[in-house]
Amino acid sequence: MPDSLLILIAAAFALAGFVKGVIGLGLPTVSMGLLAVAMTPVQALTLVIMPAVVTNIWQTFAGPYLRDIFRRLWPLMLGTAIAIWLGGGLMTGQFAHYAPVVLGILLVAYALVSLGKLQFTVTPAHEKWVGGVVGVITGTIAAATGIQVIPSMPFMQSIGMQKNELVQALGMYFTVATAAQAFNLTSAGLLNASTALPGVIGMVAAFAGMFIGQAARDRMQPEAFRRWFLIAMLLLGIYLTGNGIHAILK
């Protein structure tokens, strides 16, 4: 890889790690969105895997709610993993050139839903079967675009988890989803030694960004930062959608 691309990778993951440090999520979403400007979504995903797995494992075990989270979210995680595995060819098959457009639309949808603060409530009686359905939908979308937040994120917000429990649950869920995507990429021969150096650079930059973000969390209003972050994701999604449509029509 040219040095300019390695610098872009480091900057993208540092920014994504900073966002994750402040609000507890956003590393794959931000890094995929930024890297997709310079490469295909599947190339971006191969670089996101290592930093995402390591940072999410750290987030998974940084709390006391592990057993309860697994009890409540195993259908969501299982549905996601199965759908990602079954959809392994979506990002590399004949429809792969549509992936940037889909990624852009998802970023726009994610930003609008989050900015609108739409609230959904799922009762405990329906938690598991709804979670399974949401997992399958999210896994299919993740297999095609690398983005795992729609509709899994609104679902996890709808079941009444406390703030710290939700952060830990996000870590566990994204660990499972990213591991499933890593399996697909390895099987397709896309995750190999050539991605090791940029992956390590991304991981180091992501952790640096996370520590800075955590330090900044107490000095800024997370809600204000979250709003500007979502506006940036909205604009980035619009750009990727328009650029992807232009490339298809050429």
Protein backbone atom coordinates (compact mmCIF):
# COMPACT_ATOMS: atom_id res chain seq x y z
CA MET A 1 0.00 0.00 0.00
CA PRO A 2 1.24 3.55 -0.72
CA ASP A 3 2.13 5.69 2.27
CA SER A 4 -0.74 8.08 1.54
CA LEU A 5 -3.25 5.23 1.90
CA LEU A 6 -1.66 4.05 5.15
CA ILE A 7 -1.97 7.61 6.49
CA LEU A 8 -5.64 7.65 5.47
CA ILE A 9 -6.16 4.32 7.26
CA ALA A 10 -4.51 5.60 10.43
CA ALA A 11 -6.54 8.83 10.37
CA ALA A 12 -9.83 7.01 9.72
CA PHE A 13 -9.31 4.59 12.60
CA ALA A 14 -8.07 7.29 14.96
CA LEU A 15 -11.24 9.28 14.32
CA ALA A 16 -13.42 6.15 14.57
CA GLY A 17 -11.70 5.16 17.83
CA PHE A 18 -12.24 8.67 19.22
CA VAL A 19 -15.96 8.43 18.45
CA LYS A 20 -16.13 4.99 20.10
CA GLY A 21 -14.29 6.32 23.14
CA VAL A 22 -16.77 9.17 23.59
CA ILE A 23 -20.11 7.47 22.85
CA GLY A 24 -19.32 3.73 23.10
CA LEU A 25 -19.86 2.74 19.47
CA GLY A 26 -19.22 3.82 15.91
CA LEU A 27 -15.82 2.32 15.07
CA PRO A 28 -16.95 0.09 12.14
CA THR A 29 -19.53 2.63 10.95
CA VAL A 30 -17.12 5.58 10.87
CA SER A 31 -14.12 3.65 9.55
CA MET A 32 -16.12 1.82 6.85
CA GLY A 33 -17.72 5.07 5.74
CA LEU A 34 -14.41 6.95 5.54
CA LEU A 35 -12.41 4.14 3.94
CA ALA A 36 -15.14 3.51 1.34
CA VAL A 37 -14.26 6.90 -0.15
CA ALA A 38 -10.90 5.47 -1.28
CA MET A 39 -11.61 1.74 -1.69
CA THR A 40 -14.41 -0.79 -2.14
CA PRO A 41 -16.49 -1.79 0.92
CA VAL A 42 -15.04 -5.31 0.91
CA GLN A 43 -11.48 -3.92 0.95
CA ALA A 44 -12.44 -1.58 3.78
CA LEU A 45 -13.99 -4.46 5.73
CA THR A 46 -10.79 -6.50 5.56
CA LEU A 47 -9.01 -3.62 7.32
CA VAL A 48 -11.80 -3.05 9.87
CA ILE A 49 -11.89 -6.66 11.09
CA MET A 50 -8.81 -6.70 13.33
CA PRO A 51 -9.35 -3.35 15.10
CA ALA A 52 -13.07 -4.06 15.49
CA VAL A 53 -12.59 -7.52 17.00
CA VAL A 54 -9.90 -6.43 19.46
CA THR A 55 -11.66 -3.26 20.64
CA ASN A 56 -15.01 -5.04 20.94
CA ILE A 57 -13.53 -7.93 22.95
CA TRP A 58 -12.10 -5.34 25.33
CA GLN A 59 -15.52 -3.66 25.56
CA THR A 60 -17.28 -7.03 26.06
CA PHE A 61 -15.40 -7.85 29.25
CA ALA A 62 -15.37 -4.32 30.68
CA GLY A 63 -18.46 -4.82 32.83
CA PRO A 64 -20.38 -7.23 35.11
CA TYR A 65 -23.36 -7.98 32.85
CA LEU A 66 -21.91 -10.71 30.61
CA ARG A 67 -24.17 -13.60 31.65
CA ASP A 68 -27.39 -11.55 31.55
CA ILE A 69 -26.53 -10.07 28.17
CA PHE A 70 -25.92 -13.49 26.67
CA ARG A 71 -29.21 -14.79 28.12
CA ARG A 72 -31.16 -11.93 26.55
CA LEU A 73 -29.35 -11.50 23.24
CA TRP A 74 -28.34 -15.00 22.13
CA PRO A 75 -31.14 -15.16 19.47
CA LEU A 76 -29.98 -11.80 18.06
CA MET A 77 -26.35 -12.92 17.93
CA LEU A 78 -27.16 -16.36 16.51
CA GLY A 79 -29.44 -14.93 13.81
CA THR A 80 -26.79 -12.39 12.84
CA ALA A 81 -23.98 -14.94 12.65
CA ILE A 82 -26.03 -17.38 10.53
CA ALA A 83 -27.20 -14.65 8.14
CA ILE A 84 -23.66 -13.29 7.70
CA TRP A 85 -22.38 -16.80 6.98
CA LEU A 86 -25.16 -17.53 4.46
CA GLY A 87 -24.67 -14.14 2.79
CA GLY A 88 -20.94 -14.52 2.38
CA GLY A 89 -21.04 -13.83 -1.36
CA LEU A 90 -23.14 -10.66 -1.21
CA MET A 91 -20.16 -8.31 -0.94
CA THR A 92 -18.03 -10.04 -3.58
CA GLY A 93 -20.65 -11.38 -6.03
CA GLN A 94 -22.26 -9.92 -9.14
CA PHE A 95 -24.07 -7.23 -7.15
CA ALA A 96 -20.95 -6.05 -5.30
CA HIS A 97 -20.83 -2.77 -7.25
CA TYR A 98 -24.10 -1.79 -5.57
CA ALA A 99 -22.51 -2.08 -2.11
CA PRO A 100 -21.31 1.56 -1.87
CA VAL A 101 -24.84 2.76 -2.64
CA VAL A 102 -26.36 0.43 -0.04
CA LEU A 103 -23.70 1.48 2.48
CA GLY A 104 -24.48 5.16 1.84
CA ILE A 105 -28.23 4.62 2.20
CA LEU A 106 -27.72 2.72 5.47
CA LEU A 107 -25.54 5.50 6.88
CA VAL A 108 -28.26 8.02 5.99
CA ALA A 109 -30.96 5.82 7.53
CA TYR A 110 -28.90 5.25 10.68
CA ALA A 111 -28.25 8.97 11.08
CA LEU A 112 -31.88 9.98 10.49
CA VAL A 113 -33.27 7.34 12.87
CA SER A 114 -30.78 8.32 15.56
CA LEU A 115 -31.23 12.07 15.06
CA GLY A 116 -35.01 11.63 15.21
CA LYS A 117 -34.63 9.75 18.50
CA LEU A 118 -37.36 7.34 17.47
CA GLN A 119 -38.23 5.17 20.44
CA PHE A 120 -39.36 1.56 20.13
CA THR A 121 -40.25 -0.74 23.00
CA VAL A 122 -40.05 -4.52 22.90
CA THR A 123 -41.55 -6.32 25.90
CA PRO A 124 -39.63 -9.17 27.59
CA ALA A 125 -42.21 -11.68 26.33
CA HIS A 126 -41.29 -10.89 22.70
CA GLU A 127 -37.61 -10.12 23.21
CA LYS A 128 -36.16 -13.39 21.95
CA TRP A 129 -38.18 -13.99 18.77
CA VAL A 130 -37.96 -10.33 17.75
CA GLY A 131 -34.22 -10.47 18.46
CA GLY A 132 -33.85 -13.49 16.18
CA VAL A 133 -35.65 -11.75 13.31
CA VAL A 134 -33.65 -8.56 13.82
CA GLY A 135 -30.46 -10.64 13.87
CA VAL A 136 -31.23 -12.24 10.50
CA ILE A 137 -32.02 -8.86 8.93
CA THR A 138 -28.92 -7.22 10.42
CA GLY A 139 -26.72 -10.15 9.39
CA THR A 140 -27.93 -9.96 5.79
CA ILE A 141 -27.25 -6.22 5.67
CA ALA A 142 -23.86 -6.71 7.35
CA ALA A 143 -22.89 -9.41 4.84
CA ALA A 144 -23.58 -6.99 1.98
CA THR A 145 -22.15 -3.77 3.44
CA GLY A 146 -20.08 -4.50 6.57
CA ILE A 147 -22.39 -2.30 8.69
CA GLN A 148 -23.95 -4.02 11.72
CA VAL A 149 -25.97 -1.24 13.37
CA ILE A 150 -29.27 -1.42 11.44
CA PRO A 151 -31.65 -2.63 12.82
CA SER A 152 -29.70 -4.22 15.70
CA MET A 153 -28.92 -0.92 17.42
CA PRO A 154 -32.56 0.31 17.63
CA PHE A 155 -33.55 -3.15 18.90
CA MET A 156 -30.99 -3.14 21.72
CA GLN A 157 -32.13 0.34 22.69
CA SER A 158 -35.74 -0.86 22.74
CA ILE A 159 -35.38 -3.61 25.36
CA GLY A 160 -34.61 -1.32 28.28
CA MET A 161 -30.94 -1.95 29.00
CA GLN A 162 -29.14 0.38 31.38
CA LYS A 163 -26.41 2.62 29.89
CA ASN A 164 -23.39 0.57 31.01
CA GLU A 165 -25.14 -2.71 30.23
CA LEU A 166 -25.94 -1.45 26.72
CA VAL A 167 -22.31 -0.49 26.09
CA GLN A 168 -21.16 -3.96 27.16
CA ALA A 169 -23.92 -5.59 25.09
CA LEU A 170 -22.79 -3.68 22.01
CA GLY A 171 -19.27 -4.97 22.55
CA MET A 172 -20.44 -8.59 22.77
CA TYR A 173 -22.78 -8.32 19.80
CA PHE A 174 -20.26 -6.63 17.52
CA THR A 175 -17.62 -9.20 18.54
CA VAL A 176 -19.84 -12.05 17.35
CA ALA A 177 -20.88 -10.25 14.15
CA THR A 178 -17.32 -9.22 13.26
CA ALA A 179 -15.98 -12.73 13.95
CA ALA A 180 -18.59 -14.13 11.53
CA GLN A 181 -17.51 -11.65 8.88
CA ALA A 182 -13.86 -12.52 9.50
CA PHE A 183 -14.71 -16.19 8.85
CA ASN A 184 -16.32 -15.29 5.49
CA LEU A 185 -13.42 -13.09 4.43
CA THR A 186 -10.86 -15.74 5.40
CA SER A 187 -12.79 -18.41 3.49
CA ALA A 188 -12.84 -16.17 0.42
CA GLY A 189 -9.07 -15.58 0.69
CA LEU A 190 -9.52 -11.85 1.30
CA LEU A 191 -8.22 -11.76 4.88
CA ASN A 192 -4.55 -12.68 4.56
CA ALA A 193 -1.02 -11.52 5.27
CA SER A 194 -1.39 -8.50 2.97
CA THR A 195 -3.96 -6.99 5.33
CA ALA A 196 -1.82 -7.52 8.46
CA LEU A 197 0.20 -4.28 8.35
CA PRO A 198 -2.73 -1.92 7.64
CA GLY A 199 -4.79 -3.89 10.17
CA VAL A 200 -2.17 -3.36 12.89
CA ILE A 201 -1.88 0.33 11.97
CA GLY A 202 -5.67 0.62 12.19
CA MET A 203 -5.79 -1.17 15.55
CA VAL A 204 -3.08 1.03 17.12
CA ALA A 205 -4.74 4.18 15.77
CA ALA A 206 -8.16 3.01 16.98
CA PHE A 207 -6.91 2.37 20.53
CA ALA A 208 -5.16 5.75 20.58
CA GLY A 209 -8.36 7.41 19.45
CA MET A 210 -10.39 5.50 22.04
CA PHE A 211 -8.17 6.58 24.93
CA ILE A 212 -8.32 10.20 23.77
CA GLY A 213 -12.08 9.93 23.36
CA GLN A 214 -12.51 8.47 26.84
CA ALA A 215 -10.39 11.27 28.29
CA ALA A 216 -12.43 13.86 26.39
CA ARG A 217 -15.75 12.30 27.45
CA ASP A 218 -15.70 14.03 30.85
CA ARG A 219 -14.84 17.40 29.31
CA MET A 220 -17.57 17.59 26.69
CA GLN A 221 -21.26 16.89 26.38
CA PRO A 222 -21.61 13.46 24.76
CA GLU A 223 -25.09 14.31 23.46
CA ALA A 224 -23.81 17.34 21.54
CA PHE A 225 -20.92 15.31 20.13
CA ARG A 226 -23.32 12.50 19.19
CA ARG A 227 -25.52 14.96 17.28
CA TRP A 228 -22.63 16.35 15.22
CA PHE A 229 -21.29 12.84 14.64
CA LEU A 230 -24.67 11.78 13.23
CA ILE A 231 -24.85 14.86 11.01
CA ALA A 232 -21.39 13.96 9.65
CA MET A 233 -22.56 10.39 9.01
CA LEU A 234 -25.62 11.74 7.21
CA LEU A 235 -23.46 13.87 4.90
CA LEU A 236 -21.00 11.04 4.33
CA GLY A 237 -23.87 8.67 3.50
CA ILE A 238 -25.30 11.14 0.98
CA TYR A 239 -21.87 11.48 -0.63
CA LEU A 240 -21.31 7.70 -0.87
CA THR A 241 -24.80 7.15 -2.28
CA GLY A 242 -24.41 9.84 -4.94
CA ASN A 243 -20.88 8.74 -5.84
CA GLY A 244 -21.96 5.08 -6.04
CA ILE A 245 -24.92 5.86 -8.29
CA HIS A 246 -22.67 7.94 -10.53
CA ALA A 247 -20.19 5.04 -10.83
CA ILE A 248 -22.97 2.59 -11.72
CA LEU A 249 -24.42 4.89 -14.40
CA LYS A 250 -21.04 5.55 -16.05
